Amino acid sequence: MNFYRERKKHPLILNRPSLLIIDVQSYFFDEKSPAYLSGIENIFENIEKLVDKFKEKGYPIVSTLHVGASENMRRWWGNVVESIDPYFVVEKIVKKDTYDAFYKTDLEDYLKKESITDLIITGVMTHLCCETTARSGFVRGFNIVMVEDALWDKNEFYHFSSLKSLAHGFAIISSTEEILCALE
């Protein structure tokens, strides 16, 4: 994707990063699930590379799990998230019941305790939970980096539109390889 103009204005610089894996759980990657995201397997290898590098460097890794549903989510989608087995097991799990990983969770407190300045976001779905969390993190003072090849969505239109909007006012759009190089 083309984010040249945005990247020129806001280059990738990492100071004290944390990797955030949003909702990569059985509800979205199990083919028998009603919310299965076709092709989600395409991001597993990239997230795994990032997890390995963050572990090697000693940087925190957080994984969110969407559990149940807030009243609003239940009204909107007509269901609740029941299968929550995570694909990646990491040291910090944040359970949430809405799009925003900061809303009514201890995520912000944890990141501040770890002196995190940069939040590297991966996971699903780009235009819903990932974008909402990115915006929420931005207004809380974190530098937000969206890893375009470690995020997945229902289709490319939602994915690209979300990233383009975030690049305009909230986040740096990067790739797995760029992040790996920046961590060296």
Protein backbone atom coordinates (compact mmCIF):
# COMPACT_ATOMS: atom_id res chain seq x y z
CA MET A 1 0.00 0.00 0.00
CA ASN A 2 1.08 3.56 -0.51
CA PHE A 3 1.78 5.60 2.61
CA TYR A 4 4.80 7.47 1.25
CA ARG A 5 3.50 10.99 1.95
CA GLU A 6 2.48 10.14 5.51
CA ARG A 7 5.73 8.26 6.23
CA LYS A 8 7.81 11.18 4.97
CA LYS A 9 6.16 13.43 7.56
CA HIS A 10 6.19 10.81 10.35
CA PRO A 11 9.11 8.36 10.04
CA LEU A 12 9.30 5.16 12.08
CA ILE A 13 11.27 5.77 15.29
CA LEU A 14 10.94 3.39 18.23
CA ASN A 15 12.02 4.30 21.76
CA ARG A 16 10.30 2.01 24.26
CA PRO A 17 7.90 -0.21 22.26
CA SER A 18 5.31 -2.78 23.23
CA LEU A 19 3.71 -5.24 20.83
CA LEU A 20 -0.09 -5.39 21.01
CA ILE A 21 -1.79 -8.41 19.40
CA ILE A 22 -5.49 -7.65 19.14
CA ASP A 23 -8.05 -10.48 19.23
CA VAL A 24 -6.06 -13.17 17.42
CA GLN A 25 -8.24 -15.85 18.98
CA SER A 26 -10.25 -18.88 17.92
CA TYR A 27 -13.42 -16.85 17.37
CA PHE A 28 -11.81 -15.28 14.30
CA PHE A 29 -9.39 -18.00 13.11
CA ASP A 30 -11.38 -21.19 13.62
CA GLU A 31 -13.01 -22.06 10.29
CA LYS A 32 -16.07 -23.42 12.16
CA SER A 33 -16.67 -20.08 13.91
CA PRO A 34 -19.43 -17.77 12.61
CA ALA A 35 -16.88 -14.91 12.68
CA TYR A 36 -14.05 -16.73 10.85
CA LEU A 37 -11.96 -14.28 8.84
CA SER A 38 -10.96 -16.01 5.64
CA GLY A 39 -7.20 -15.72 5.10
CA ILE A 40 -6.35 -14.70 8.67
CA GLU A 41 -3.63 -17.34 8.61
CA ASN A 42 -1.65 -14.95 6.39
CA ILE A 43 -0.70 -12.78 9.36
CA PHE A 44 0.34 -15.52 11.80
CA GLU A 45 3.92 -15.78 10.53
CA ASN A 46 4.49 -12.02 10.68
CA ILE A 47 3.08 -11.73 14.18
CA GLU A 48 5.21 -14.70 15.23
CA LYS A 49 8.34 -12.97 13.91
CA LEU A 50 7.45 -9.86 15.90
CA VAL A 51 6.72 -11.89 19.05
CA ASP A 52 10.11 -13.62 18.77
CA LYS A 53 11.98 -10.32 18.29
CA PHE A 54 10.14 -8.56 21.13
CA LYS A 55 10.92 -11.50 23.44
CA GLU A 56 14.57 -11.45 22.34
CA LYS A 57 14.80 -7.72 23.08
CA GLY A 58 12.88 -7.97 26.36
CA TYR A 59 10.07 -5.66 25.29
CA PRO A 60 6.53 -6.28 26.61
CA ILE A 61 3.98 -8.16 24.53
CA VAL A 62 0.27 -7.81 25.23
CA SER A 63 -2.51 -9.85 23.69
CA THR A 64 -6.17 -8.90 23.88
CA LEU A 65 -9.06 -11.32 23.92
CA HIS A 66 -12.54 -10.22 23.02
CA VAL A 67 -14.78 -11.92 25.57
CA GLY A 68 -18.57 -11.74 25.59
CA ALA A 69 -19.96 -8.42 24.43
CA SER A 70 -20.89 -5.06 25.89
CA GLU A 71 -24.59 -4.23 25.67
CA ASN A 72 -23.93 -2.00 22.66
CA MET A 73 -21.91 -4.71 20.88
CA ARG A 74 -24.65 -7.25 21.60
CA ARG A 75 -27.30 -4.94 20.12
CA TRP A 76 -25.16 -4.14 17.06
CA TRP A 77 -23.96 -7.65 16.19
CA GLY A 78 -26.71 -9.73 17.77
CA ASN A 79 -24.28 -12.15 19.42
CA VAL A 80 -21.49 -12.53 21.96
CA VAL A 81 -17.95 -13.83 21.55
CA GLU A 82 -17.78 -17.27 23.10
CA SER A 83 -14.68 -19.03 21.75
CA ILE A 84 -11.69 -17.14 23.08
CA ASP A 85 -8.67 -19.44 22.86
CA PRO A 86 -5.69 -17.21 21.95
CA TYR A 87 -3.39 -18.12 19.06
CA PHE A 88 -0.39 -16.47 20.71
CA VAL A 89 0.28 -17.02 24.39
CA VAL A 90 2.10 -14.07 25.91
CA GLU A 91 2.83 -12.77 29.40
CA LYS A 92 0.03 -10.16 29.51
CA ILE A 93 -3.56 -10.87 28.44
CA VAL A 94 -6.18 -8.10 28.43
CA LYS A 95 -9.81 -9.16 28.24
CA LYS A 96 -12.25 -6.70 26.70
CA ASP A 97 -15.89 -6.73 25.65
CA THR A 98 -15.88 -3.93 23.09
CA TYR A 99 -13.66 -2.58 20.29
CA ASP A 100 -11.35 -0.45 22.46
CA ALA A 101 -8.63 -2.38 24.32
CA PHE A 102 -8.21 0.57 26.71
CA TYR A 103 -11.87 0.88 27.70
CA LYS A 104 -12.49 -0.53 31.20
CA THR A 105 -9.23 -2.53 31.17
CA ASP A 106 -5.83 -2.16 32.84
CA LEU A 107 -3.97 -1.78 29.51
CA GLU A 108 -3.03 1.88 29.98
CA ASP A 109 -1.82 1.32 33.55
CA TYR A 110 0.27 -1.65 32.44
CA LEU A 111 1.89 0.24 29.53
CA LYS A 112 2.67 3.25 31.72
CA LYS A 113 4.14 1.00 34.43
CA GLU A 114 6.41 -0.46 31.73
CA SER A 115 7.33 3.08 30.52
CA ILE A 116 6.03 2.32 27.02
CA THR A 117 6.10 5.14 24.48
CA ASP A 118 5.37 3.23 21.25
CA LEU A 119 2.47 0.84 20.73
CA ILE A 120 2.97 -1.56 17.81
CA ILE A 121 -0.48 -2.85 16.80
CA THR A 122 -1.22 -6.15 15.05
CA GLY A 123 -4.30 -8.36 14.90
CA VAL A 124 -7.93 -8.21 13.80
CA MET A 125 -10.03 -6.47 12.55
CA THR A 126 -8.13 -3.48 11.21
CA HIS A 127 -11.16 -1.20 10.86
CA LEU A 128 -12.83 -2.13 14.15
CA CYS A 129 -10.87 -3.19 17.23
CA CYS A 130 -7.43 -2.30 15.88
CA GLU A 131 -8.43 1.16 14.65
CA THR A 132 -10.47 1.98 17.76
CA THR A 133 -7.60 0.94 20.01
CA ALA A 134 -5.10 2.91 17.90
CA ARG A 135 -7.14 6.10 18.20
CA SER A 136 -7.66 5.54 21.91
CA GLY A 137 -3.92 4.94 22.42
CA PHE A 138 -3.08 8.08 20.47
CA VAL A 139 -5.26 10.31 22.66
CA ARG A 140 -3.59 8.73 25.70
CA GLY A 141 -0.19 9.91 24.45
CA PHE A 142 1.27 6.76 22.88
CA ASN A 143 3.03 6.78 19.51
CA ILE A 144 0.98 4.35 17.42
CA VAL A 145 2.41 2.06 14.74
CA MET A 146 0.10 -0.12 12.66
CA VAL A 147 1.81 -3.14 11.08
CA GLU A 148 -0.06 -3.43 7.80
CA ASP A 149 1.05 -6.99 6.99
CA ALA A 150 0.29 -8.22 10.53
CA LEU A 151 -3.29 -6.89 10.56
CA TRP A 152 -6.30 -8.59 8.96
CA ASP A 153 -9.83 -7.59 8.07
CA LYS A 154 -12.94 -8.84 6.29
CA ASN A 155 -11.69 -7.36 3.03
CA GLU A 156 -8.98 -5.16 1.55
CA PHE A 157 -11.24 -2.10 1.31
CA TYR A 158 -11.86 -1.96 5.06
CA HIS A 159 -8.18 -2.68 5.73
CA PHE A 160 -6.77 -0.02 3.39
CA SER A 161 -9.38 2.63 4.25
CA SER A 162 -8.71 2.21 7.95
CA LEU A 163 -4.94 2.40 7.55
CA LYS A 164 -5.13 5.43 5.25
CA SER A 165 -7.35 7.26 7.74
CA LEU A 166 -5.09 6.36 10.67
CA ALA A 167 -2.00 7.43 8.71
CA HIS A 168 -3.52 10.87 8.23
CA GLY A 169 -3.92 11.71 11.90
CA PHE A 170 -3.07 8.95 14.36
CA ALA A 171 -0.51 6.32 13.35
CA ILE A 172 2.58 5.38 11.45
CA ILE A 173 1.92 2.57 8.97
CA SER A 174 4.76 0.08 8.86
CA SER A 175 5.60 -3.47 7.82
CA THR A 176 6.87 -6.42 9.81
CA GLU A 177 10.33 -6.15 8.23
CA GLU A 178 10.57 -2.43 9.01
CA ILE A 179 9.73 -3.09 12.65
CA LEU A 180 12.26 -5.93 12.85
CA CYS A 181 14.98 -3.68 11.39
CA ALA A 182 14.08 -0.81 13.74
CA LEU A 183 14.46 -3.16 16.73
CA GLU A 184 18.03 -4.14 15.76
